[in-house]
Protein backbone atom coordinates (compact mmCIF):
# COMPACT_ATOMS: atom_id res chain seq x y z
CA UNK A 1 14.99 -23.46 18.49
CA UNK A 2 12.51 -23.53 15.62
CA UNK A 3 10.91 -20.21 14.69
CA UNK A 4 7.29 -20.71 13.66
CA UNK A 5 3.95 -18.91 13.43
CA UNK A 6 3.57 -19.00 17.24
CA UNK A 7 6.96 -17.45 17.96
CA UNK A 8 6.58 -14.33 20.06
CA UNK A 9 8.49 -11.25 18.98
CA UNK A 10 10.15 -8.83 21.42
CA UNK A 11 12.25 -5.87 20.38
CA UNK A 12 13.78 -2.53 21.32
CA UNK A 13 13.54 0.91 19.76
CA UNK A 14 16.40 3.40 19.89
CA UNK A 15 18.01 6.06 17.74
CA UNK A 16 21.30 4.27 18.42
CA UNK A 17 20.47 0.53 18.55
CA UNK A 18 22.99 -2.00 19.81
CA UNK A 19 23.36 -5.77 20.17
CA UNK A 20 23.38 -6.16 23.97
CA UNK A 21 19.64 -6.80 24.21
CA UNK A 22 19.68 -9.21 21.27
CA UNK A 23 22.42 -11.28 22.87
CA UNK A 24 20.91 -11.23 26.36
CA UNK A 25 17.29 -12.03 25.53
CA UNK A 26 17.88 -14.52 22.73
CA UNK A 27 20.27 -16.44 25.01
CA UNK A 28 17.61 -16.41 27.73
CA UNK A 29 14.90 -17.61 25.39
CA UNK A 30 17.12 -20.43 24.17
CA UNK A 31 18.27 -21.39 27.69
CA UNK A 32 14.69 -21.72 28.96
CA UNK A 33 13.19 -23.06 25.69
CA UNK A 34 10.91 -20.04 25.26
CA UNK A 35 9.43 -19.75 21.77
CA UNK A 36 10.41 -16.12 21.26
CA UNK A 37 12.97 -13.94 19.52
CA UNK A 38 14.36 -10.47 20.22
CA UNK A 39 15.54 -7.85 17.71
CA UNK A 40 16.75 -4.27 18.14
CA UNK A 41 15.44 -1.61 15.74
CA UNK A 42 16.41 1.92 14.82
CA UNK A 43 13.63 4.45 15.37
CA UNK A 44 13.36 8.19 15.03
CA UNK A 45 9.62 8.25 15.75
CA UNK A 46 8.34 6.25 18.73
CA UNK A 47 4.68 6.89 17.88
CA UNK A 48 5.07 5.22 14.47
CA UNK A 49 7.10 2.41 16.04
CA UNK A 50 4.25 1.75 18.47
CA UNK A 51 1.81 1.63 15.55
CA UNK A 52 4.02 -1.11 14.07
CA UNK A 53 4.00 -2.96 17.41
CA UNK A 54 0.20 -3.04 17.41
CA UNK A 55 -0.06 -3.93 13.72
CA UNK A 56 2.42 -6.81 13.96
CA UNK A 57 1.27 -7.83 17.46
CA UNK A 58 4.79 -7.61 18.88
CA UNK A 59 4.55 -8.91 22.45
CA UNK A 60 6.79 -6.39 24.16
CA UNK A 61 9.54 -3.89 23.59
CA UNK A 62 12.19 -1.82 25.30
CA UNK A 63 12.85 1.85 24.70
CA UNK A 64 16.00 3.84 25.33
CA UNK A 65 17.00 7.46 24.93
CA UNK A 66 15.36 9.64 23.78
CA UNK A 67 11.98 7.86 24.05
CA UNK A 68 11.68 6.91 27.73
CA UNK A 69 9.58 9.94 28.66
CA UNK A 70 7.67 10.38 25.40
CA UNK A 71 6.54 6.75 25.27
CA UNK A 72 4.23 7.32 28.24
CA UNK A 73 1.96 9.39 25.99
CA UNK A 74 1.06 6.30 23.96
CA UNK A 75 0.40 3.63 26.60
CA UNK A 76 -2.79 2.58 28.36
CA UNK A 77 -1.39 1.64 31.77
CA UNK A 78 1.62 2.93 33.70
CA UNK A 79 3.16 0.95 36.56
CA UNK A 80 3.49 2.86 39.85
CA UNK A 81 7.29 3.12 39.66
CA UNK A 82 7.23 4.27 36.02
CA UNK A 83 4.56 6.84 36.85
CA UNK A 84 6.54 8.27 39.76
CA UNK A 85 9.75 8.27 37.71
CA UNK A 86 7.99 9.83 34.73
CA UNK A 87 9.71 7.49 32.30
CA UNK A 88 9.47 3.89 31.11
CA UNK A 89 11.86 1.51 29.41
CA UNK A 90 9.71 -1.62 29.15
CA UNK A 91 6.35 -1.94 27.37
CA UNK A 92 4.06 -4.97 27.18
CA UNK A 93 1.50 -5.30 24.38
CA UNK A 94 -1.61 -7.33 25.21
CA UNK A 95 -3.68 -7.22 22.02
CA UNK A 96 -3.14 -3.50 21.58
CA UNK A 97 -3.35 -2.64 25.29
CA UNK A 98 0.05 -1.24 26.26
CA UNK A 99 1.45 -1.45 29.79
CA UNK A 100 4.55 0.56 30.76
CA UNK A 101 7.18 -0.35 33.34
CA UNK A 102 10.54 0.97 34.47
CA UNK A 103 13.28 -1.53 35.29
CA UNK A 104 16.17 0.95 35.04
CA UNK A 105 15.89 1.88 38.69
CA UNK A 106 16.03 -1.79 39.71
CA UNK A 107 19.22 -2.24 37.69
CA UNK A 108 20.76 0.71 39.52
CA UNK A 109 19.55 -0.67 42.85
CA UNK A 110 21.24 -4.02 42.23
CA UNK A 111 24.45 -2.34 41.10
CA UNK A 112 24.68 0.06 44.07
CA UNK A 113 24.23 -2.52 46.80
CA UNK A 114 25.86 -0.48 49.59
CA UNK A 115 24.20 2.47 51.32
CA UNK A 116 25.62 5.79 50.11
CA UNK A 117 25.56 8.95 52.19
CA UNK A 118 25.04 11.20 49.14
CA UNK A 119 25.07 10.97 45.35
CA UNK A 120 25.38 13.56 42.61
CA UNK A 121 23.40 12.64 39.50
CA UNK A 122 24.46 14.03 36.14
CA UNK A 123 21.59 14.81 33.76
CA UNK A 124 17.84 14.96 34.18
CA UNK A 125 16.52 12.74 31.39
CA UNK A 126 14.63 9.47 31.62
CA UNK A 127 17.55 7.41 32.96
CA UNK A 128 18.45 10.12 35.46
CA UNK A 129 14.87 10.10 36.73
CA UNK A 130 15.21 6.37 37.38
CA UNK A 131 18.42 6.97 39.35
CA UNK A 132 16.64 9.70 41.31
CA UNK A 133 13.81 7.31 42.12
CA UNK A 134 16.32 4.69 43.30
CA UNK A 135 17.95 7.28 45.56
CA UNK A 136 14.58 8.31 47.00
CA UNK A 137 13.54 4.69 47.59
CA UNK A 138 16.89 3.99 49.25
CA UNK A 139 16.85 7.14 51.43
CA UNK A 140 19.99 8.47 49.75
CA UNK A 141 20.16 12.30 49.50
CA UNK A 142 21.09 13.51 46.01
CA UNK A 143 21.64 16.55 43.85
CA UNK A 144 21.25 16.93 40.09
CA UNK A 145 23.72 18.53 37.72
CA UNK A 146 22.10 19.76 34.50
CA UNK A 147 23.72 21.23 31.40
CA UNK A 148 23.66 24.78 32.74
CA UNK A 149 26.00 23.66 35.55
CA UNK A 150 28.17 21.34 33.46
CA UNK A 151 31.32 23.33 34.24
CA UNK A 152 31.12 22.12 37.86
CA UNK A 153 31.65 18.46 36.94
CA UNK A 154 35.49 18.36 36.90
CA UNK A 155 35.57 19.54 40.52
CA UNK A 156 32.91 17.18 41.88
CA UNK A 157 33.84 14.79 44.68
CA UNK A 158 32.01 11.97 46.43
CA UNK A 159 29.78 9.53 44.57
CA UNK A 160 28.74 10.70 41.10
CA UNK A 161 26.37 8.88 38.74
CA UNK A 162 26.64 9.73 35.06
CA UNK A 163 23.11 9.28 33.67
CA UNK A 164 23.92 11.09 30.41
CA UNK A 165 25.36 9.88 27.09
CA UNK A 166 28.35 12.20 27.54
CA UNK A 167 31.70 11.08 28.94
CA UNK A 168 32.94 13.05 31.96
CA UNK A 169 35.96 13.25 34.26
CA UNK A 170 35.57 14.12 37.94
CA UNK A 171 37.56 13.99 41.15
CA UNK A 172 35.02 11.72 42.81
CA UNK A 173 33.89 8.10 42.59
CA UNK A 174 32.26 8.03 39.17
CA UNK A 175 29.59 5.48 38.28
CA UNK A 176 29.35 5.62 34.49
CA UNK A 177 25.88 4.42 33.53
CA UNK A 178 26.36 4.71 29.76
CA UNK A 179 25.36 1.34 28.26
CA UNK A 180 28.66 0.67 26.44
CA UNK A 181 30.89 1.18 29.52
CA UNK A 182 31.89 -1.65 31.85
CA UNK A 183 29.68 -0.35 34.65
CA UNK A 184 26.87 0.51 32.28
CA UNK A 185 26.81 -3.01 30.84
CA UNK A 186 26.49 -4.48 34.33
CA UNK A 187 23.60 -2.14 35.15
CA UNK A 188 22.00 -2.93 31.79
CA UNK A 189 22.19 -6.67 32.46
CA UNK A 190 20.66 -6.23 35.91
CA UNK A 191 17.73 -4.28 34.51
CA UNK A 192 17.40 -6.72 31.60
CA UNK A 193 16.91 -9.53 34.12
CA UNK A 194 13.93 -7.58 35.46
CA UNK A 195 12.66 -6.97 31.92
CA UNK A 196 12.86 -10.68 31.20
CA UNK A 197 10.70 -11.44 34.25
CA UNK A 198 8.07 -8.99 33.00
CA UNK A 199 8.14 -10.42 29.48
CA UNK A 200 7.67 -13.97 30.76
CA UNK A 201 5.04 -13.14 33.38
CA UNK A 202 2.99 -10.69 31.32
CA UNK A 203 3.03 -12.26 27.85
């Protein structure tokens, strides 16, 4: 694929950038002959990163921890799911007008295809809020374990979703949502499929 002046740019901002998004989206763009490229960037200031997006007219970007909640302060439109979750991971830029979406919860929904009777969610950050929203939408009762109750984790049973960047060991059925784990990569690919649809349909 030839990169030219009309090539659209998509990217991600994280304080710990990886290559998963680059591989996924650039393969997609090539497979469907979309004139676009994707690049991950390090950021320690999402406000300044958004200024760069507007200046360079970057078409869309993803955000990961710790920016999923903060990014909502700088957008013009928030999708219903992202608003209810209180966090976004996907932003579209239409000539400086920023629209925020959350596809994390859809990735979790596709991964957990069977109906659970209860789930314990570790953490209460942006990703955890997406898991909570999935549970609510799927009529699955849940509880949240925050840092002040971290000592309870080794004794937990049942279905447990780790929505934190910290590795844990439990007695239950652990779903490890960290993006570099086997389960986390599957969830990340599921949500990336939803991101791709937004990028193509909105840009």
